Each structure stands twice: as C-alpha cells, then as structure tokens.
C-alpha cells in the first residue's frame, strides 16, 4: 500500500481517539457501541488512506450503503490504498464484489463497524474468482458481517491466496465463511456464530492457518473441512488456540483425505452431537477437549480416517464416560489417544467396541502381548495358534464332562507381591465366543512347603462374549493382600468355544481416577 502511517499506528490512533476495546458482555454486532466515533476523516487524510465516508457511506443504519461502499472499494483498489470504514451500521441491499480487487478493508472493531444485510441475498461479500491466480491477496480487518437471517453465506472466497482475515465477526447466516481452493491463508482472532455451518473449508491447503478463532453456537456444523467434487483434499491446515463450543450438531467435520492439526485448542464444550467426525488425518495436541454434553455427544466418530490425541485434557461434562467416548462407525477409522488426562468417569466395567490396537498405561506388571501368555487347559484339549502380530487364538477341541473344565491363558504376577492389597487397572483386548473370567490365582502352602488345595482365587471381572475384537476395562479393583502367583483369563471348556487374546495391561493405580489414559483402536 502507498505511504503514510502504518496500519498498527493507525489502529492505535483510532483506538486512542475512540477509547476502543471489546466489552466482555458486548452483543457484538447486534447493537452498536455507545462510544463516540473517532475523527476518521482526519486520521484517513493524515495517513493517505481512503475514507469510506468520502464516497457517501453513511453508516447510519437507516439507508442502503452498498452502492457507496462498492464505489469506495473500487477506488481503493485502483489507488492501491487501504479503505477505512468507520463505526456504525451499513445496510447492504446487494452484495459487495471483491472479485479482481486487491484491497484492504479496515473497520474500527468487530463490535463497531457493522455491515448488515437489509434484504435476502446469496452472499454479502463475494470474493470468488473464476480462475486461479497464485498471488491474489486481500485483507479484511475489524468489522462484523451480520446476515440478519437473510443471507446464504456471509463471506465467500475462491482462488484467493495469501489473503488475511483479522478481528472479523460473521453472524446469523446460513454459512459464516466459505472458502474454496485457497492457499497460504491467514485468519486471526475471527469469530463465526449463529449459523447453520460456521466455517466451511473446501480443498484448501499449503499451510493455511487459523489462530485464536472461534466457531460457536452453530446448528449443524461449527467447522467443516470437506473435499467435494474433484481436486486435492485440504491439507496442512493448522488451527492454533481456537475454540469450538456451544451449539447443536457436529463440532468439527473432517472430510476424506484432509490433513489438519489442532494445537492447544478448546473444543467441544456444550456441543450436542459428535465433537470430531473424522474421515481424514487429524492431530489434536494439548489444550482441552469436551464431550458428553448430551448422551449423544461422543468425542470421536472415526469414519474412514485416523485421529490422534496427544497430551489433551478430556472433559466428560454431563454424560461423558469411557463407554461413549467413541461413537460407532462403519468405516475402518483409527483412533490413537496418548497420555490424555481424563476428567470423566472411567470406573466400572466399560466395554469399547472396535478393534483396539493398544490400550492402557505403558508399564504393565504382566506380559502385555497375548502370544507371551501360557495356555490353560483343565479337563480339555486346546488348539493354539497365532492371532495377528502379537496375539494368540485358543480353541477348545475336546472336553470332559466335568463341572470345572476350563480353557484360557495365564501369566505370572510379580514375585515381589507389589500388587497385593493395591488398587489395579486391568485392561484386556480380546474376542470370545462365550463370557470369560479375569482372575488372580494363588496356592496356599503349608509350614513344610507342601501345597494345600484348593487354590485361592479373586475374580477381577467378567468379560462379555464378543465375536469381534473388543476392549474390556475393569477398573478400580483392589487385589486382596494374599500371595497371588498368576493372572488368568479363562472360559468354559465346551467343545468349539474359542478366544483371542491380543493385549493385556495390569497396572497399579496411583489414584482414584486415572492420571493418564492411552488408547489406540480401529473401528
């Protein structure tokens, strides 16, 4: 842009003149601030920036300012100057066109410079190009687009790269922002609220960034990253310090092939539906994730994608628990949860459906992989075979007609009795044709070292039958203070009964609720 004072100095001057700053309880663009407007004309003349008022823009909230604003935009593009739009309400009777225009629109705050739709229209600000041009920037800063329930899309962008949106609010439209085929975009401190779809991103990539943005109070989807039609999926998208909260429907929908990262975000509080509906490759690092605002609100529906949570605090709100953290899905999606801090109920005997790849804490007191467990055969013949890369499959071939026949697997418990009298978490990845019993076993010994029958047993839990691989978690159990020697998983030895044992964790519990949780599973 041409000479004059810098944008930051200009904003500082406007802020000082008007005493600007967002009130914590402000209704944003739904009412105009009572603070007197600064002398925009004087500041614009001193800075060499165009003043929208000099083109007849009234900002009165009573007349249609769309023609005057369009003239000001065209003049700013031709003069290669920034356009300053003062505080007030500009009614729009038709869309503003930014196609082919490299402009910088600067308002005096998202609660003060308000562009409001006066009639029904498809889009309020149209920045959709028909041809792709690599260097095609524009900037919008410090204003509000109020669709007033009359607009299909508040801001529509296509084939505009290196563009910047800053301190912008979109409210009350069908879609707040829709951007398609845009690269290297930067969005700072923007907010979309009270839409059907808050922000729709289609085929964007090349390291676009959303920082400090909010997606709130939407009816269908707050943030949608999709890949419609032909073209490469959106990729290398980064959302840093953003929040997605308060609304019906889905929090974040991630389409097939999309690659996106969420860094230190605040996602899911008071979302009624699925928080992450994922068919892409998503990474969630740090921050806080919520689910369970309603019984239908799951943290993840994995779909066809892979999503990884790393170092996130997960809050279950009203109805969240380990059982409903993952929503059922028919796709082959995977979930990888590493070192999350759960703030929800993980007690009891929850069973998570799916094909778990790994679950539990990293340190286990027993053999973690099923292939390292020994076969148990009491009054029966058992066939043993490998299952997957780490598991074992056991099948009862023949059994005697006694009441206590059993088959299954066992592994030694620590010889130093560190688990005796201590609370433990037992986590099992398995499948079985009939219910199984998870139990700790020991044998009494007499004063001369002779074994005395019968063995003593403490049942830790019953694993329900499951013909597909599942994860069973028996939490908050305390082992009796006795010299247990083995941990067993056994079932009734009826001919044809089978089980697969993939992964087992038996870990000491340091507190009443798990400090961290690890889970990797495929649907």
Protein backbone atom coordinates (compact mmCIF):
# COMPACT_ATOMS: atom_id res chain seq x y z
CA UNK A 1 0.00 0.00 0.00
CA UNK A 2 1.09 3.60 -0.62
CA UNK A 3 3.00 5.71 2.02
CA UNK A 4 1.52 7.26 5.15
CA UNK A 5 1.50 5.88 8.66
CA UNK A 6 1.50 2.14 9.25
CA UNK A 7 -1.64 0.12 9.88
CA UNK A 8 -0.68 -0.62 13.50
CA UNK A 9 -0.07 3.05 14.24
CA UNK A 10 -3.33 3.86 12.54
CA UNK A 11 -5.21 1.35 14.71
CA UNK A 12 -3.53 2.72 17.80
CA UNK A 13 -4.65 6.22 16.84
CA UNK A 14 -8.21 5.10 16.22
CA UNK A 15 -8.28 3.14 19.46
CA UNK A 16 -6.95 6.10 21.45
CA UNK A 17 -9.40 8.52 19.89
CA UNK A 18 -12.41 6.30 20.47
CA UNK A 19 -11.43 4.52 23.65
CA UNK A 20 -11.91 1.22 21.85
CA UNK A 21 -11.78 -2.31 23.29
CA UNK A 22 -14.30 -5.13 23.31
CA UNK A 23 -16.65 -5.13 26.28
CA UNK A 24 -16.75 -8.56 27.90
CA UNK A 25 -20.55 -8.76 27.72
CA UNK A 26 -20.98 -6.95 24.41
CA UNK A 27 -23.57 -8.28 21.99
CA UNK A 28 -21.01 -7.86 19.20
CA UNK A 29 -22.65 -6.63 16.05
CA UNK A 30 -26.20 -6.95 17.37
CA UNK A 31 -26.04 -3.47 18.82
CA UNK A 32 -23.78 -0.53 18.11
CA UNK A 33 -21.40 0.67 20.83
CA UNK A 34 -22.28 3.90 22.60
CA UNK A 35 -18.66 5.06 22.43
CA UNK A 36 -18.35 8.19 20.21
CA UNK A 37 -16.77 7.53 16.82
CA UNK A 38 -13.23 8.84 16.26
CA UNK A 39 -12.48 11.53 13.72
CA UNK A 40 -11.93 9.04 10.95
CA UNK A 41 -11.73 11.64 8.20
CA UNK A 42 -8.82 13.43 9.81
CA UNK A 43 -6.93 10.19 10.50
CA UNK A 44 -7.52 8.97 6.94
CA UNK A 45 -6.20 12.21 5.41
CA UNK A 46 -3.08 12.15 7.58
CA UNK A 47 -2.34 8.53 6.68
CA UNK A 48 -3.08 8.59 2.98
CA UNK A 49 -5.85 6.01 3.47
CA UNK A 50 -9.22 6.34 1.77
CA UNK A 51 -12.19 7.14 4.00
CA UNK A 52 -15.40 5.35 3.03
CA UNK A 53 -17.41 8.35 4.22
CA UNK A 54 -15.97 10.47 1.41
CA UNK A 55 -17.78 8.19 -1.04
CA UNK A 56 -21.15 8.76 0.62
CA UNK A 57 -21.14 5.85 3.07
CA UNK A 58 -23.36 6.96 5.98
CA UNK A 59 -23.05 4.07 8.48
CA UNK A 60 -26.38 5.32 9.82
CA UNK A 61 -28.24 2.00 9.92
CA UNK A 62 -31.11 3.67 8.06
CA UNK A 63 -30.04 3.83 4.42
CA UNK A 64 -28.61 1.35 1.90
CA UNK A 65 -24.84 1.91 1.83
CA UNK A 66 -23.99 -0.90 -0.58
CA UNK A 67 -23.53 1.26 -3.73
CA UNK A 68 -21.36 3.80 -1.92
CA UNK A 69 -19.27 1.05 -0.29
CA UNK A 70 -18.76 -0.64 -3.65
CA UNK A 71 -17.56 2.64 -5.15
CA UNK A 72 -15.15 3.09 -2.25
CA UNK A 73 -13.82 -0.47 -2.67
CA UNK A 74 -13.25 0.05 -6.40
CA UNK A 75 -11.45 3.33 -5.76
CA UNK A 76 -9.23 1.77 -3.08
CA UNK A 77 -8.24 -0.99 -5.49
CA UNK A 78 -7.48 1.48 -8.28
CA UNK A 79 -5.44 3.74 -5.97
CA UNK A 80 -3.75 0.82 -4.22
CA UNK A 81 -4.76 2.22 -0.87
CA UNK A 82 -6.40 0.85 2.27
CA UNK A 83 -10.10 1.63 2.73
CA UNK A 84 -11.12 2.76 6.21
CA UNK A 85 -14.75 2.05 7.17
CA UNK A 86 -15.88 3.98 10.26
CA UNK A 87 -18.04 2.76 13.13
CA UNK A 88 -21.78 2.43 12.68
CA UNK A 89 -24.14 0.19 10.72
CA UNK A 90 -24.03 -0.01 6.94
CA UNK A 91 -27.14 -1.62 5.48
CA UNK A 92 -26.47 -3.70 2.37
CA UNK A 93 -29.18 -4.05 -0.27
CA UNK A 94 -26.88 -6.06 -2.55
CA UNK A 95 -23.59 -7.95 -2.23
CA UNK A 96 -20.20 -6.25 -2.19
CA UNK A 97 -17.97 -7.54 -5.02
CA UNK A 98 -14.25 -8.02 -4.42
CA UNK A 99 -13.51 -10.16 -7.48
CA UNK A 100 -10.35 -8.99 -9.21
CA UNK A 101 -9.68 -6.45 -6.49
CA UNK A 102 -6.63 -6.47 -4.22
CA UNK A 103 -7.96 -4.38 -1.36
CA UNK A 104 -7.55 -3.95 2.39
CA UNK A 105 -10.79 -3.17 4.21
CA UNK A 106 -10.23 -1.81 7.71
CA UNK A 107 -13.03 -1.26 10.22
CA UNK A 108 -12.69 0.06 13.76
CA UNK A 109 -13.71 -3.15 15.53
CA UNK A 110 -15.92 -6.20 15.12
CA UNK A 111 -18.45 -4.66 17.54
CA UNK A 112 -18.39 -1.20 15.91
CA UNK A 113 -18.10 -1.43 12.13
CA UNK A 114 -21.16 -3.44 11.16
CA UNK A 115 -22.26 -4.46 7.67
CA UNK A 116 -25.81 -5.79 7.89
CA UNK A 117 -27.93 -7.45 5.19
CA UNK A 118 -31.11 -5.48 4.51
CA UNK A 119 -32.60 -7.96 2.01
CA UNK A 120 -32.22 -11.65 1.18
CA UNK A 121 -29.06 -12.42 -0.81
CA UNK A 122 -26.83 -15.36 -1.66
CA UNK A 123 -23.66 -13.76 -0.29
CA UNK A 124 -22.75 -10.50 1.47
CA UNK A 125 -19.11 -10.16 0.39
CA UNK A 126 -18.20 -12.09 -2.76
CA UNK A 127 -14.50 -12.83 -3.33
CA UNK A 128 -14.98 -15.81 -5.64
CA UNK A 129 -12.74 -15.83 -8.72
CA UNK A 130 -13.30 -17.97 -11.79
CA UNK A 131 -9.59 -18.53 -12.49
CA UNK A 132 -6.74 -19.48 -10.19
CA UNK A 133 -4.03 -16.87 -9.62
CA UNK A 134 -1.22 -17.66 -7.17
CA UNK A 135 -0.65 -14.10 -5.91
CA UNK A 136 -4.14 -12.76 -5.22
CA UNK A 137 -4.24 -11.28 -1.72
CA UNK A 138 -6.85 -9.22 0.07
CA UNK A 139 -7.39 -8.26 3.71
CA UNK A 140 -10.44 -7.64 5.87
CA UNK A 141 -9.99 -6.46 9.44
CA UNK A 142 -12.01 -5.09 12.33
CA UNK A 143 -15.60 -5.43 11.19
CA UNK A 144 -18.76 -7.53 11.51
CA UNK A 145 -20.82 -9.18 8.77
CA UNK A 146 -24.37 -9.59 10.08
CA UNK A 147 -26.53 -11.74 7.81
CA UNK A 148 -29.60 -10.95 9.92
CA UNK A 149 -31.03 -14.36 8.97
CA UNK A 150 -31.34 -13.28 5.32
CA UNK A 151 -28.05 -14.46 3.78
CA UNK A 152 -26.87 -17.76 2.38
CA UNK A 153 -23.16 -17.08 3.02
CA UNK A 154 -21.69 -14.04 4.76
CA UNK A 155 -18.24 -14.23 3.12
CA UNK A 156 -17.47 -16.43 0.09
CA UNK A 157 -13.89 -16.81 -1.20
CA UNK A 158 -12.39 -18.83 -4.03
CA UNK A 159 -8.98 -18.88 -5.73
CA UNK A 160 -7.62 -16.14 -3.46
CA UNK A 161 -4.23 -16.95 -1.97
CA UNK A 162 -2.15 -15.16 0.69
CA UNK A 163 -5.30 -13.46 2.00
CA UNK A 164 -5.72 -12.26 5.60
CA UNK A 165 -8.81 -12.02 7.80
CA UNK A 166 -8.28 -10.41 11.18
CA UNK A 167 -10.61 -9.42 14.05
CA UNK A 168 -13.68 -10.23 11.95
CA UNK A 169 -17.08 -11.47 13.15
CA UNK A 170 -19.66 -13.25 10.96
CA UNK A 171 -23.09 -13.90 12.42
CA UNK A 172 -26.60 -15.07 11.56
CA UNK A 173 -26.23 -16.52 8.05
CA UNK A 174 -26.61 -19.96 6.51
CA UNK A 175 -22.81 -20.26 6.35
CA UNK A 176 -20.49 -17.79 8.02
CA UNK A 177 -17.36 -18.14 5.84
CA UNK A 178 -16.98 -20.42 2.83
CA UNK A 179 -13.54 -20.61 1.29
CA UNK A 180 -12.65 -22.89 -1.59
CA UNK A 181 -9.31 -23.56 -3.30
CA UNK A 182 -7.41 -21.02 -1.19
CA UNK A 183 -3.76 -21.44 -0.22
CA UNK A 184 -1.47 -19.87 2.37
CA UNK A 185 -4.38 -18.11 4.05
CA UNK A 186 -4.08 -16.44 7.46
CA UNK A 187 -7.05 -15.95 9.80
CA UNK A 188 -6.51 -14.26 13.17
CA UNK A 189 -8.96 -13.68 16.02
CA UNK A 190 -12.02 -14.25 13.83
CA UNK A 191 -15.38 -15.45 15.09
CA UNK A 192 -18.33 -17.19 13.42
CA UNK A 193 -21.53 -17.59 15.40
CA UNK A 194 -25.20 -18.48 14.96
CA UNK A 195 -25.01 -20.10 11.54
CA UNK A 196 -26.10 -23.44 10.15
CA UNK A 197 -22.45 -24.06 9.19
CA UNK A 198 -19.94 -21.77 10.85
CA UNK A 199 -16.85 -22.05 8.61
CA UNK A 200 -16.70 -24.24 5.50
CA UNK A 201 -13.27 -25.04 4.06
CA UNK A 202 -13.02 -26.86 0.72
CA UNK A 203 -9.80 -28.03 -0.94
CA UNK A 204 -7.60 -25.55 0.92
CA UNK A 205 -4.01 -26.26 1.70
CA UNK A 206 -0.41 -25.20 1.53
CA UNK A 207 -0.14 -24.36 5.23
CA UNK A 208 -3.18 -22.20 5.86
CA UNK A 209 -3.52 -21.03 9.47
CA UNK A 210 -6.38 -20.18 11.85
CA UNK A 211 -5.14 -18.62 15.08
CA UNK A 212 -7.31 -17.58 18.03
CA UNK A 213 -10.52 -18.12 16.04
CA UNK A 214 -13.92 -19.08 17.49
CA UNK A 215 -16.63 -21.28 16.00
CA UNK A 216 -19.69 -21.09 18.25
CA UNK A 217 -23.46 -21.57 18.53
CA UNK A 218 -24.00 -23.25 15.15
CA UNK A 219 -26.89 -25.55 14.33
CA UNK A 220 -25.40 -28.19 12.01
CA UNK A 221 -21.59 -27.97 11.92
CA UNK A 222 -19.28 -25.43 13.53
CA UNK A 223 -16.20 -26.13 11.40
CA UNK A 224 -16.39 -28.24 8.24
CA UNK A 225 -13.29 -29.23 6.27
CA UNK A 226 -14.54 -31.10 3.23
CA UNK A 227 -13.36 -32.33 -0.15
CA UNK A 228 -16.32 -32.05 -2.53
CA UNK A 229 -16.03 -32.99 -6.18
CA UNK A 230 -12.68 -33.19 -7.92
CA UNK A 231 -9.39 -31.78 -6.71
CA UNK A 232 -6.90 -32.41 -3.96
CA UNK A 233 -8.16 -32.59 -0.37
CA UNK A 234 -7.42 -29.80 2.06
CA UNK A 235 -4.01 -30.36 3.63
CA UNK A 236 -1.51 -28.84 6.06
CA UNK A 237 -4.22 -26.85 7.83
CA UNK A 238 -3.33 -25.59 11.32
CA UNK A 239 -5.76 -24.40 13.99
CA UNK A 240 -3.88 -22.85 16.89
CA UNK A 241 -5.51 -21.64 20.11
CA UNK A 242 -9.01 -21.84 18.60
CA UNK A 243 -12.30 -22.74 20.30
CA UNK A 244 -15.32 -24.70 19.08
CA UNK A 245 -18.22 -24.69 21.51
CA UNK A 246 -21.90 -24.16 22.35
CA UNK A 247 -24.20 -25.45 19.65
CA UNK A 248 -26.20 -28.24 18.15
CA UNK A 249 -24.98 -30.78 15.65
CA UNK A 250 -21.30 -31.53 15.00
CA UNK A 251 -18.29 -29.65 16.30
CA UNK A 252 -15.69 -30.39 13.60
CA UNK A 253 -16.29 -32.44 10.44
CA UNK A 254 -13.13 -33.55 8.64
CA UNK A 255 -13.54 -34.99 5.16
CA UNK A 256 -11.74 -37.86 3.49
CA UNK A 257 -8.10 -37.20 2.75
CA UNK A 258 -7.97 -33.95 4.73
CA UNK A 259 -4.85 -33.32 6.83
CA UNK A 260 -5.36 -30.94 9.77
CA UNK A 261 -3.73 -30.16 13.12
CA UNK A 262 -5.35 -28.64 16.21
CA UNK A 263 -2.80 -27.16 18.60
CA UNK A 264 -3.72 -26.10 22.15
CA UNK A 265 -7.38 -25.60 21.26
CA UNK A 266 -10.56 -25.59 23.35
CA UNK A 267 -13.04 -27.86 21.59
CA UNK A 268 -16.44 -29.37 22.31
CA UNK A 269 -17.89 -27.61 25.35
CA UNK A 270 -21.71 -27.78 25.22
CA UNK A 271 -21.73 -29.38 21.75
CA UNK A 272 -24.82 -31.57 21.45
CA UNK A 273 -23.51 -34.03 18.86
CA UNK A 274 -20.23 -35.60 17.74
CA UNK A 275 -17.26 -33.37 18.54
CA UNK A 276 -14.86 -34.79 15.89
CA UNK A 277 -16.49 -36.51 12.91
CA UNK A 278 -13.33 -37.60 11.18
CA UNK A 279 -12.57 -39.19 7.81
CA UNK A 280 -9.17 -37.56 7.35
CA UNK A 281 -5.84 -37.43 9.16
CA UNK A 282 -6.19 -35.21 12.23
CA UNK A 283 -3.88 -34.46 15.15
CA UNK A 284 -5.06 -32.85 18.38
CA UNK A 285 -2.21 -31.70 20.63
CA UNK A 286 -2.52 -30.05 24.04
CA UNK A 287 -5.49 -27.97 25.10
CA UNK A 288 -8.87 -29.26 26.28
CA UNK A 289 -11.47 -31.40 24.51
CA UNK A 290 -15.03 -31.86 25.78
CA UNK A 291 -17.74 -34.40 25.04
CA UNK A 292 -20.82 -35.72 26.82
CA UNK A 293 -22.87 -32.51 26.91
CA UNK A 294 -25.71 -34.85 25.90
CA UNK A 295 -25.74 -38.67 25.86
CA UNK A 296 -25.36 -38.46 22.05
CA UNK A 297 -22.24 -36.30 22.29
CA UNK A 298 -19.22 -38.54 21.65
CA UNK A 299 -15.66 -37.27 21.37
CA UNK A 300 -14.93 -39.03 18.06
CA UNK A 301 -16.66 -40.82 15.24
CA UNK A 302 -13.66 -42.27 13.38
CA UNK A 303 -15.26 -42.86 9.97
CA UNK A 304 -12.58 -43.62 7.38
CA UNK A 305 -9.84 -41.54 8.95
CA UNK A 306 -7.19 -41.54 11.65
CA UNK A 307 -7.22 -39.12 14.56
CA UNK A 308 -4.60 -38.79 17.28
CA UNK A 309 -4.92 -37.03 20.64
CA UNK A 310 -1.66 -36.20 22.41
CA UNK A 311 -1.43 -34.63 25.85
CA UNK A 312 -5.03 -33.37 25.87
CA UNK A 313 -7.27 -32.94 28.90
CA UNK A 314 -10.61 -34.58 28.06
CA UNK A 315 -13.68 -33.43 29.98
CA UNK A 316 -16.80 -35.62 30.02
CA UNK A 317 -19.24 -32.83 31.06
CA UNK A 318 -22.73 -34.15 31.90
CA UNK A 319 -22.87 -37.62 30.32
CA UNK A 320 -19.37 -38.43 29.10
CA UNK A 321 -17.70 -41.67 30.08
CA UNK A 322 -15.20 -44.08 28.62
CA UNK A 323 -18.05 -46.14 27.23
CA UNK A 324 -19.48 -43.39 24.98
CA UNK A 325 -16.24 -41.55 24.19
CA UNK A 326 -16.13 -43.19 20.73
CA UNK A 327 -19.25 -43.26 18.55
CA UNK A 328 -19.95 -46.38 16.45
CA UNK A 329 -18.77 -46.18 12.86
CA UNK A 330 -18.96 -48.49 9.87
CA UNK A 331 -15.71 -47.16 8.44
CA UNK A 332 -12.19 -48.52 9.04
CA UNK A 333 -11.11 -45.46 11.01
CA UNK A 334 -8.43 -45.46 13.73
CA UNK A 335 -8.11 -43.55 16.99
CA UNK A 336 -4.81 -43.05 18.81
CA UNK A 337 -5.02 -41.47 22.27
CA UNK A 338 -1.71 -40.83 24.01
CA UNK A 339 -1.24 -39.54 27.54
CA UNK A 340 -4.56 -37.75 27.81
CA UNK A 341 -5.79 -36.56 31.20
CA UNK A 342 -9.38 -37.81 31.59
CA UNK A 343 -11.82 -35.67 33.55
CA UNK A 344 -14.71 -38.11 33.21
CA UNK A 345 -15.85 -41.39 34.66
CA UNK A 346 -13.63 -44.35 33.82
CA UNK A 347 -14.70 -46.54 36.72
CA UNK A 348 -16.86 -49.65 36.47
CA UNK A 349 -16.72 -52.20 33.67
CA UNK A 350 -16.91 -50.34 30.36
CA UNK A 351 -16.52 -52.23 27.09
CA UNK A 352 -15.46 -50.33 23.99
CA UNK A 353 -16.43 -51.85 20.66
CA UNK A 354 -13.93 -51.91 17.80
CA UNK A 355 -10.53 -53.38 17.01
CA UNK A 356 -8.24 -51.99 19.68
CA UNK A 357 -4.61 -51.68 18.70
CA UNK A 358 -3.34 -50.73 22.14
CA UNK A 359 -4.89 -49.59 25.38
CA UNK A 360 -3.76 -48.83 28.88
CA UNK A 361 -0.71 -47.47 30.62
CA UNK A 362 2.77 -48.07 29.25
CA UNK A 363 4.02 -50.03 32.27
CA UNK A 364 2.34 -53.36 32.95
CA UNK A 365 3.03 -55.93 35.68
CA UNK A 366 2.18 -58.83 33.36
CA UNK A 367 3.06 -59.91 29.83
CA UNK A 368 1.38 -57.34 27.61
CA UNK A 369 1.12 -59.38 24.43
CA UNK A 370 -1.17 -62.36 24.26
CA UNK A 371 1.35 -64.54 22.48
CA UNK A 372 3.51 -64.45 25.65
CA UNK A 373 0.75 -65.94 27.83
CA UNK A 374 0.65 -69.63 28.69
CA UNK A 375 -2.22 -71.93 27.70
CA UNK A 376 -4.62 -73.10 30.42
CA UNK A 377 -6.30 -76.48 29.78
CA UNK A 378 -8.28 -78.01 32.64
CA UNK A 379 -10.09 -81.19 31.60
CA UNK A 380 -9.88 -80.38 27.90
CA UNK A 381 -7.72 -80.34 24.79
CA UNK A 382 -6.86 -76.86 23.44
CA UNK A 383 -5.62 -75.85 19.99
CA UNK A 384 -3.29 -72.83 19.99
CA UNK A 385 -2.43 -70.56 17.03
CA UNK A 386 -1.06 -67.06 16.41
CA UNK A 387 -3.54 -64.20 16.09
CA UNK A 388 -2.38 -61.04 14.36
CA UNK A 389 1.12 -59.86 15.15
CA UNK A 390 1.02 -60.13 18.94
CA UNK A 391 -1.95 -62.26 19.91
CA UNK A 392 -2.93 -65.86 20.45
CA UNK A 393 -6.05 -67.76 19.43
CA UNK A 394 -7.21 -70.64 21.65
CA UNK A 395 -9.92 -73.13 20.75
CA UNK A 396 -11.35 -75.90 22.94
CA UNK A 397 -11.19 -79.05 20.80
CA UNK A 398 -12.49 -81.66 23.26
CA UNK A 399 -13.62 -81.51 26.89
CA UNK A 400 -14.52 -83.97 29.61
CA UNK A 401 -17.98 -83.91 31.12
CA UNK A 402 -16.99 -82.39 34.47
CA UNK A 403 -18.27 -79.20 36.05
CA UNK A 404 -14.91 -77.42 36.36
CA UNK A 405 -13.39 -77.77 32.90
CA UNK A 406 -11.78 -74.54 31.73
CA UNK A 407 -9.53 -73.28 28.96
CA UNK A 408 -7.75 -69.97 28.56
CA UNK A 409 -4.41 -68.29 29.23
CA UNK A 410 -2.29 -67.26 32.21
CA UNK A 411 0.79 -65.20 33.03
CA UNK A 412 2.85 -64.79 36.22
CA UNK A 413 2.26 -61.91 38.62
CA UNK A 414 5.27 -60.07 40.12
CA UNK A 415 7.16 -62.23 42.60
CA UNK A 416 7.69 -59.28 44.95
CA UNK A 417 3.92 -59.01 45.61
CA UNK A 418 3.85 -55.31 44.68
CA UNK A 419 0.23 -55.67 43.61
CA UNK A 420 -1.09 -57.38 46.78
CA UNK A 421 -3.51 -55.16 48.65
CA UNK A 422 -3.19 -52.45 45.99
CA UNK A 423 -5.75 -50.96 43.56
CA UNK A 424 -5.08 -52.09 40.00
CA UNK A 425 -6.38 -51.44 36.48
CA UNK A 426 -6.85 -54.49 34.32
CA UNK A 427 -7.29 -53.82 30.60
CA UNK A 428 -7.86 -56.59 28.08
CA UNK A 429 -8.06 -56.62 24.28
CA UNK A 430 -9.82 -59.81 23.30
CA UNK A 431 -12.60 -61.62 21.49
CA UNK A 432 -14.51 -64.70 22.69
CA UNK A 433 -17.42 -66.93 21.80
CA UNK A 434 -18.52 -67.09 25.45
CA UNK A 435 -18.03 -64.91 28.56
CA UNK A 436 -14.58 -65.04 30.12
CA UNK A 437 -13.41 -64.60 33.71
CA UNK A 438 -10.44 -62.42 34.61
CA UNK A 439 -8.98 -63.62 37.90
CA UNK A 440 -5.91 -63.61 40.12
CA UNK A 441 -4.85 -67.05 41.38
CA UNK A 442 -2.60 -68.28 44.20
CA UNK A 443 -1.96 -71.56 46.05
CA UNK A 444 -1.78 -71.95 49.83
CA UNK A 445 1.41 -73.55 51.14
CA UNK A 446 1.79 -75.33 54.45
CA UNK A 447 4.51 -74.93 57.06
CA UNK A 448 6.65 -77.57 55.35
CA UNK A 449 6.25 -76.02 51.94
CA UNK A 450 3.62 -78.54 50.76
CA UNK A 451 0.88 -77.12 48.54
CA UNK A 452 -2.59 -77.27 50.01
CA UNK A 453 -5.58 -77.41 47.66
CA UNK A 454 -7.70 -75.70 46.64
CA UNK A 455 -6.12 -72.61 45.13
CA UNK A 456 -7.46 -69.23 46.23
CA UNK A 457 -8.95 -67.02 43.52
CA UNK A 458 -10.05 -63.39 43.31
CA UNK A 459 -12.31 -62.57 40.37
CA UNK A 460 -11.44 -59.17 38.86
CA UNK A 461 -14.18 -59.10 36.25
CA UNK A 462 -16.32 -60.90 33.71
CA UNK A 463 -15.51 -60.22 30.06
CA UNK A 464 -18.68 -60.47 27.95
CA UNK A 465 -18.77 -62.63 24.85
CA UNK A 466 -17.77 -60.77 21.71
CA UNK A 467 -17.40 -62.24 18.25
CA UNK A 468 -15.50 -59.15 17.11
CA UNK A 469 -12.41 -57.84 18.84
CA UNK A 470 -13.21 -55.52 21.73
CA UNK A 471 -11.61 -53.80 24.67
CA UNK A 472 -12.74 -54.56 28.19
CA UNK A 473 -11.61 -52.40 31.08
CA UNK A 474 -12.08 -53.46 34.69
CA UNK A 475 -11.02 -50.52 36.75
CA UNK A 476 -10.80 -49.67 40.46
CA UNK A 477 -10.27 -53.25 41.65
CA UNK A 478 -8.12 -53.89 44.71
CA UNK A 479 -6.21 -57.14 44.98
CA UNK A 480 -6.52 -58.90 48.31
CA UNK A 481 -3.37 -58.93 50.40
CA UNK A 482 -2.50 -62.50 49.55
CA UNK A 483 0.41 -64.13 47.70
CA UNK A 484 -1.15 -64.35 44.23
CA UNK A 485 1.07 -66.02 41.67
CA UNK A 486 -0.80 -65.81 38.35
CA UNK A 487 -3.33 -63.78 36.38
CA UNK A 488 -5.76 -65.87 34.32
CA UNK A 489 -8.36 -65.33 31.64
CA UNK A 490 -10.49 -68.46 31.38
CA UNK A 491 -13.78 -69.60 29.93
CA UNK A 492 -15.96 -72.73 30.00
CA UNK A 493 -14.29 -75.60 28.17
CA UNK A 494 -17.09 -76.53 25.82
CA UNK A 495 -16.07 -78.08 22.52
CA UNK A 496 -15.85 -75.33 19.88
CA UNK A 497 -15.52 -72.42 22.28
CA UNK A 498 -12.72 -70.01 21.32
CA UNK A 499 -10.98 -66.83 22.42
CA UNK A 500 -8.34 -64.45 21.07
CA UNK A 501 -6.08 -62.55 23.41
CA UNK A 502 -4.25 -59.59 21.88
CA UNK A 503 -3.06 -57.26 24.62
CA UNK A 504 -3.36 -57.11 28.41
CA UNK A 505 -2.34 -54.46 30.93
CA UNK A 506 -2.37 -54.91 34.68
CA UNK A 507 -1.09 -51.70 36.26
CA UNK A 508 -1.03 -50.28 39.75
CA UNK A 509 -3.43 -47.43 40.31
CA UNK A 510 -1.91 -44.36 41.91
CA UNK A 511 -5.19 -42.52 42.46
CA UNK A 512 -8.97 -42.92 42.34
CA UNK A 513 -9.12 -41.70 38.73
CA UNK A 514 -6.54 -42.46 36.10
CA UNK A 515 -3.96 -39.69 35.80
CA UNK A 516 -3.44 -40.51 32.13
CA UNK A 517 -5.01 -42.84 29.59
CA UNK A 518 -3.71 -44.38 26.37
CA UNK A 519 -5.95 -45.95 23.75
CA UNK A 520 -5.42 -46.92 20.14
CA UNK A 521 -8.21 -48.65 18.26
CA UNK A 522 -9.71 -49.22 14.84
CA UNK A 523 -13.41 -49.33 14.11
